[in-house]
Amino acid sequence: MYAGKDLYISNELISAVSATDVTPAVGTLKVTSDVNVRSGASTDDSILGVAKVGTILNTTGIVDGKWYRVSYDGKEGYVNRKLVSVQDFALVTDASGTLTIVSRANVRSGPGTGYSILGVAEVGDTLTITGTTDSHWYRVSYNGGTGFIAANLIKVN
């Protein structure tokens, strides 16, 4: 339609959409008051659904200390931190490398002994590190997925 013509757009007419800065985290949250689960970390973002009081949500990140990124109904959503209580929470920092198991260790679904056991790593096994948590756990690649292992049970290579 505009072939062969230069097209100019005023910067004043363009609204920039910035990506949300999410700090990776893992944990569980309990809804303390019915809460809108939104498509983004703002009350201006659309509502994906409503999580009812008592619902447990798995968190995958935190935005500006005000919003949690959560898994909701198979989708990524955001909830205001004032409307949930933290049951278990750890920040995750991306990392890489390998580790060697020095004592038989449970590989868990999250960074704590309250998470389900995905399997057992045996002495001498080597796993790939994908992150670390502020609660002394390593996020690792395990059986084609992600697992967590306590830092006191490994040697970092």
C-alpha atoms as a PDB file:
ATOM      1  CA  MET A   1       0.000   0.000   0.000  1.00  0.00           C
ATOM      2  CA  TYR A   2       2.892   2.412   0.748  1.00  0.00           C
ATOM      3  CA  ALA A   3       5.353   0.904  -1.717  1.00  0.00           C
ATOM      4  CA  GLY A   4       8.005   3.356  -2.877  1.00  0.00           C
ATOM      5  CA  LYS A   5       7.062   6.005  -0.328  1.00  0.00           C
ATOM      6  CA  ASP A   6       8.838   7.030   2.856  1.00  0.00           C
ATOM      7  CA  LEU A   7       6.661   6.768   5.917  1.00  0.00           C
ATOM      8  CA  TYR A   8       7.327   8.931   8.983  1.00  0.00           C
ATOM      9  CA  ILE A   9       5.750   8.453  12.387  1.00  0.00           C
ATOM     10  CA  SER A  10       5.987  11.001  15.151  1.00  0.00           C
ATOM     11  CA  ASN A  11       7.573   9.682  18.377  1.00  0.00           C
ATOM     12  CA  GLU A  12       4.717  11.361  20.215  1.00  0.00           C
ATOM     13  CA  LEU A  13       2.254   8.903  18.674  1.00  0.00           C
ATOM     14  CA  ILE A  14       4.117   5.771  19.727  1.00  0.00           C
ATOM     15  CA  SER A  15       3.622   4.390  23.198  1.00  0.00           C
ATOM     16  CA  ALA A  16       6.491   2.175  24.230  1.00  0.00           C
ATOM     17  CA  VAL A  17       5.659  -1.070  25.959  1.00  0.00           C
ATOM     18  CA  SER A  18       8.490  -2.044  28.262  1.00  0.00           C
ATOM     19  CA  ALA A  19       9.179  -5.574  29.357  1.00  0.00           C
ATOM     20  CA  THR A  20       8.482  -6.304  32.990  1.00  0.00           C
ATOM     21  CA  ASP A  21      11.617  -6.895  35.037  1.00  0.00           C
ATOM     22  CA  VAL A  22      10.966 -10.102  36.916  1.00  0.00           C
ATOM     23  CA  THR A  23      13.364 -11.423  39.535  1.00  0.00           C
ATOM     24  CA  PRO A  24      13.237 -15.223  39.290  1.00  0.00           C
ATOM     25  CA  ALA A  25      11.926 -16.928  42.412  1.00  0.00           C
ATOM     26  CA  VAL A  26      10.273 -20.154  43.491  1.00  0.00           C
ATOM     27  CA  GLY A  27       7.838 -20.852  46.252  1.00  0.00           C
ATOM     28  CA  THR A  28       4.220 -21.107  47.248  1.00  0.00           C
ATOM     29  CA  LEU A  29       1.755 -18.407  48.211  1.00  0.00           C
ATOM     30  CA  LYS A  30      -1.579 -18.693  49.993  1.00  0.00           C
ATOM     31  CA  VAL A  31      -4.347 -16.338  48.908  1.00  0.00           C
ATOM     32  CA  THR A  32      -5.582 -14.373  51.946  1.00  0.00           C
ATOM     33  CA  SER A  33      -8.325 -12.404  50.183  1.00  0.00           C
ATOM     34  CA  ASP A  34      -9.966 -13.129  46.826  1.00  0.00           C
ATOM     35  CA  VAL A  35      -7.425 -11.774  44.363  1.00  0.00           C
ATOM     36  CA  ASN A  36      -7.489 -10.905  40.677  1.00  0.00           C
ATOM     37  CA  VAL A  37      -4.837 -12.784  38.740  1.00  0.00           C
ATOM     38  CA  ARG A  38      -3.715 -10.383  36.034  1.00  0.00           C
ATOM     39  CA  SER A  39      -1.886 -10.762  32.727  1.00  0.00           C
ATOM     40  CA  GLY A  40       0.780  -8.280  33.868  1.00  0.00           C
ATOM     41  CA  ALA A  41       2.112  -6.588  36.988  1.00  0.00           C
ATOM     42  CA  SER A  42      -0.334  -3.690  37.001  1.00  0.00           C
ATOM     43  CA  THR A  43      -3.966  -3.050  37.859  1.00  0.00           C
ATOM     44  CA  ASP A  44      -4.278  -1.831  34.260  1.00  0.00           C
ATOM     45  CA  ASP A  45      -3.574  -5.348  32.914  1.00  0.00           C
ATOM     46  CA  SER A  46      -6.425  -7.682  32.045  1.00  0.00           C
ATOM     47  CA  ILE A  47      -7.813 -10.131  34.604  1.00  0.00           C
ATOM     48  CA  LEU A  48      -7.149 -13.811  33.840  1.00  0.00           C
ATOM     49  CA  GLY A  49      -9.319 -14.997  36.716  1.00  0.00           C
ATOM     50  CA  VAL A  50      -9.924 -14.769  40.440  1.00  0.00           C
ATOM     51  CA  ALA A  51      -8.002 -16.897  42.938  1.00  0.00           C
ATOM     52  CA  LYS A  52     -10.212 -17.529  45.974  1.00  0.00           C
ATOM     53  CA  VAL A  53      -9.197 -17.311  49.647  1.00  0.00           C
ATOM     54  CA  GLY A  54      -7.107 -20.337  50.608  1.00  0.00           C
ATOM     55  CA  THR A  55      -5.884 -21.085  47.081  1.00  0.00           C
ATOM     56  CA  ILE A  56      -2.211 -22.080  46.911  1.00  0.00           C
ATOM     57  CA  LEU A  57      -0.288 -20.537  44.007  1.00  0.00           C
ATOM     58  CA  ASN A  58       3.193 -21.453  42.810  1.00  0.00           C
ATOM     59  CA  THR A  59       5.326 -18.387  42.276  1.00  0.00           C
ATOM     60  CA  THR A  60       7.984 -18.075  39.575  1.00  0.00           C
ATOM     61  CA  GLY A  61       9.142 -14.526  40.220  1.00  0.00           C
ATOM     62  CA  ILE A  62       8.647 -11.165  41.865  1.00  0.00           C
ATOM     63  CA  VAL A  63       8.273  -7.732  40.229  1.00  0.00           C
ATOM     64  CA  ASP A  64       9.466  -4.600  42.046  1.00  0.00           C
ATOM     65  CA  GLY A  65       8.687  -6.252  45.381  1.00  0.00           C
ATOM     66  CA  LYS A  66       4.990  -5.524  44.707  1.00  0.00           C
ATOM     67  CA  TRP A  67       3.734  -8.311  42.459  1.00  0.00           C
ATOM     68  CA  TYR A  68       4.332 -12.055  42.321  1.00  0.00           C
ATOM     69  CA  ARG A  69       4.473 -13.852  38.981  1.00  0.00           C
ATOM     70  CA  VAL A  70       2.505 -17.074  39.436  1.00  0.00           C
ATOM     71  CA  SER A  71       1.277 -20.142  37.626  1.00  0.00           C
ATOM     72  CA  TYR A  72      -2.500 -19.904  37.342  1.00  0.00           C
ATOM     73  CA  ASP A  73      -4.770 -22.226  35.401  1.00  0.00           C
ATOM     74  CA  GLY A  74      -1.870 -23.256  33.157  1.00  0.00           C
ATOM     75  CA  LYS A  75      -0.986 -19.636  32.413  1.00  0.00           C
ATOM     76  CA  GLU A  76       1.490 -17.067  33.684  1.00  0.00           C
ATOM     77  CA  GLY A  77      -0.212 -14.423  35.804  1.00  0.00           C
ATOM     78  CA  TYR A  78       0.514 -11.778  38.426  1.00  0.00           C
ATOM     79  CA  VAL A  79      -0.971 -11.134  41.878  1.00  0.00           C
ATOM     80  CA  ASN A  80      -0.493  -8.217  44.237  1.00  0.00           C
ATOM     81  CA  ARG A  81       1.723  -9.262  47.169  1.00  0.00           C
ATOM     82  CA  LYS A  82      -0.566  -7.583  49.698  1.00  0.00           C
ATOM     83  CA  LEU A  83      -3.268 -10.169  49.016  1.00  0.00           C
ATOM     84  CA  VAL A  84      -1.240 -13.331  49.550  1.00  0.00           C
ATOM     85  CA  SER A  85       0.881 -14.767  52.332  1.00  0.00           C
ATOM     86  CA  VAL A  86       4.202 -16.402  51.621  1.00  0.00           C
ATOM     87  CA  GLN A  87       4.358 -20.035  52.622  1.00  0.00           C
ATOM     88  CA  ASP A  88       7.733 -20.733  51.099  1.00  0.00           C
ATOM     89  CA  PHE A  89       9.813 -18.420  48.947  1.00  0.00           C
ATOM     90  CA  ALA A  90      13.340 -18.202  47.597  1.00  0.00           C
ATOM     91  CA  LEU A  91      14.927 -15.872  45.068  1.00  0.00           C
ATOM     92  CA  VAL A  92      16.734 -17.666  42.245  1.00  0.00           C
ATOM     93  CA  THR A  93      19.851 -16.343  40.561  1.00  0.00           C
ATOM     94  CA  ASP A  94      20.812 -17.804  37.197  1.00  0.00           C
ATOM     95  CA  ALA A  95      24.048 -19.756  37.351  1.00  0.00           C
ATOM     96  CA  SER A  96      25.806 -22.363  35.272  1.00  0.00           C
ATOM     97  CA  GLY A  97      28.292 -25.124  35.809  1.00  0.00           C
ATOM     98  CA  THR A  98      28.208 -28.626  37.166  1.00  0.00           C
ATOM     99  CA  LEU A  99      28.086 -30.153  40.593  1.00  0.00           C
ATOM    100  CA  THR A 100      29.001 -33.549  41.983  1.00  0.00           C
ATOM    101  CA  ILE A 101      26.935 -35.329  44.613  1.00  0.00           C
ATOM    102  CA  VAL A 102      29.020 -36.062  47.741  1.00  0.00           C
ATOM    103  CA  SER A 103      26.234 -37.634  49.813  1.00  0.00           C
ATOM    104  CA  ARG A 104      23.113 -39.424  48.546  1.00  0.00           C
ATOM    105  CA  ALA A 105      20.592 -36.620  48.024  1.00  0.00           C
ATOM    106  CA  ASN A 106      16.926 -36.100  47.265  1.00  0.00           C
ATOM    107  CA  VAL A 107      16.259 -33.949  44.220  1.00  0.00           C
ATOM    108  CA  ARG A 108      13.167 -31.911  45.039  1.00  0.00           C
ATOM    109  CA  SER A 109      10.585 -29.909  43.085  1.00  0.00           C
ATOM    110  CA  GLY A 110      11.468 -26.733  45.035  1.00  0.00           C
ATOM    111  CA  PRO A 111      14.175 -25.346  47.331  1.00  0.00           C
ATOM    112  CA  GLY A 112      13.199 -26.917  50.635  1.00  0.00           C
ATOM    113  CA  THR A 113      12.496 -30.208  52.355  1.00  0.00           C
ATOM    114  CA  GLY A 114       8.750 -29.543  52.168  1.00  0.00           C
ATOM    115  CA  TYR A 115       8.764 -29.958  48.391  1.00  0.00           C
ATOM    116  CA  SER A 116       8.070 -33.302  46.728  1.00  0.00           C
ATOM    117  CA  ILE A 117      10.960 -35.623  45.871  1.00  0.00           C
ATOM    118  CA  LEU A 118      11.553 -36.004  42.139  1.00  0.00           C
ATOM    119  CA  GLY A 119      14.258 -38.631  42.559  1.00  0.00           C
ATOM    120  CA  VAL A 120      17.504 -39.476  44.295  1.00  0.00           C
ATOM    121  CA  ALA A 121      20.976 -38.443  43.151  1.00  0.00           C
ATOM    122  CA  GLU A 122      23.686 -40.912  44.105  1.00  0.00           C
ATOM    123  CA  VAL A 123      27.238 -40.218  45.311  1.00  0.00           C
ATOM    124  CA  GLY A 124      29.398 -39.310  42.319  1.00  0.00           C
ATOM    125  CA  ASP A 125      26.523 -38.232  40.044  1.00  0.00           C
ATOM    126  CA  THR A 126      27.155 -35.000  38.130  1.00  0.00           C
ATOM    127  CA  LEU A 127      24.305 -32.546  37.517  1.00  0.00           C
ATOM    128  CA  THR A 128      24.115 -29.317  35.513  1.00  0.00           C
ATOM    129  CA  ILE A 129      23.504 -26.156  37.562  1.00  0.00           C
ATOM    130  CA  THR A 130      20.916 -23.696  36.190  1.00  0.00           C
ATOM    131  CA  GLY A 131      20.635 -21.435  39.235  1.00  0.00           C
ATOM    132  CA  THR A 132      21.136 -20.881  42.951  1.00  0.00           C
ATOM    133  CA  THR A 133      18.720 -19.678  45.616  1.00  0.00           C
ATOM    134  CA  ASP A 134      19.116 -17.363  48.555  1.00  0.00           C
ATOM    135  CA  SER A 135      18.152 -20.311  50.780  1.00  0.00           C
ATOM    136  CA  HIS A 136      21.242 -22.451  49.969  1.00  0.00           C
ATOM    137  CA  TRP A 137      19.807 -24.690  47.263  1.00  0.00           C
ATOM    138  CA  TYR A 138      20.924 -25.267  43.680  1.00  0.00           C
ATOM    139  CA  ARG A 139      18.476 -25.378  40.780  1.00  0.00           C
ATOM    140  CA  VAL A 140      19.597 -28.199  38.475  1.00  0.00           C
ATOM    141  CA  SER A 141      18.617 -29.963  35.278  1.00  0.00           C
ATOM    142  CA  TYR A 142      17.198 -33.316  36.307  1.00  0.00           C
ATOM    143  CA  ASN A 143      15.539 -36.031  34.197  1.00  0.00           C
ATOM    144  CA  GLY A 144      14.633 -33.569  31.449  1.00  0.00           C
ATOM    145  CA  GLY A 145      13.181 -31.029  33.868  1.00  0.00           C
ATOM    146  CA  THR A 146      14.164 -28.836  36.784  1.00  0.00           C
ATOM    147  CA  GLY A 147      14.958 -29.893  40.335  1.00  0.00           C
ATOM    148  CA  PHE A 148      16.558 -28.504  43.468  1.00  0.00           C
ATOM    149  CA  ILE A 149      19.283 -29.972  45.648  1.00  0.00           C
ATOM    150  CA  ALA A 150      20.648 -28.772  48.996  1.00  0.00           C
ATOM    151  CA  ALA A 151      24.023 -27.036  48.792  1.00  0.00           C
ATOM    152  CA  ASN A 152      25.489 -29.020  51.706  1.00  0.00           C
ATOM    153  CA  LEU A 153      25.169 -32.269  49.724  1.00  0.00           C
ATOM    154  CA  ILE A 154      27.230 -31.290  46.707  1.00  0.00           C
ATOM    155  CA  LYS A 155      30.626 -30.165  45.515  1.00  0.00           C
ATOM    156  CA  VAL A 156      30.620 -27.467  42.823  1.00  0.00           C
ATOM    157  CA  ASN A 157      32.966 -28.334  39.951  1.00  0.00           C
END
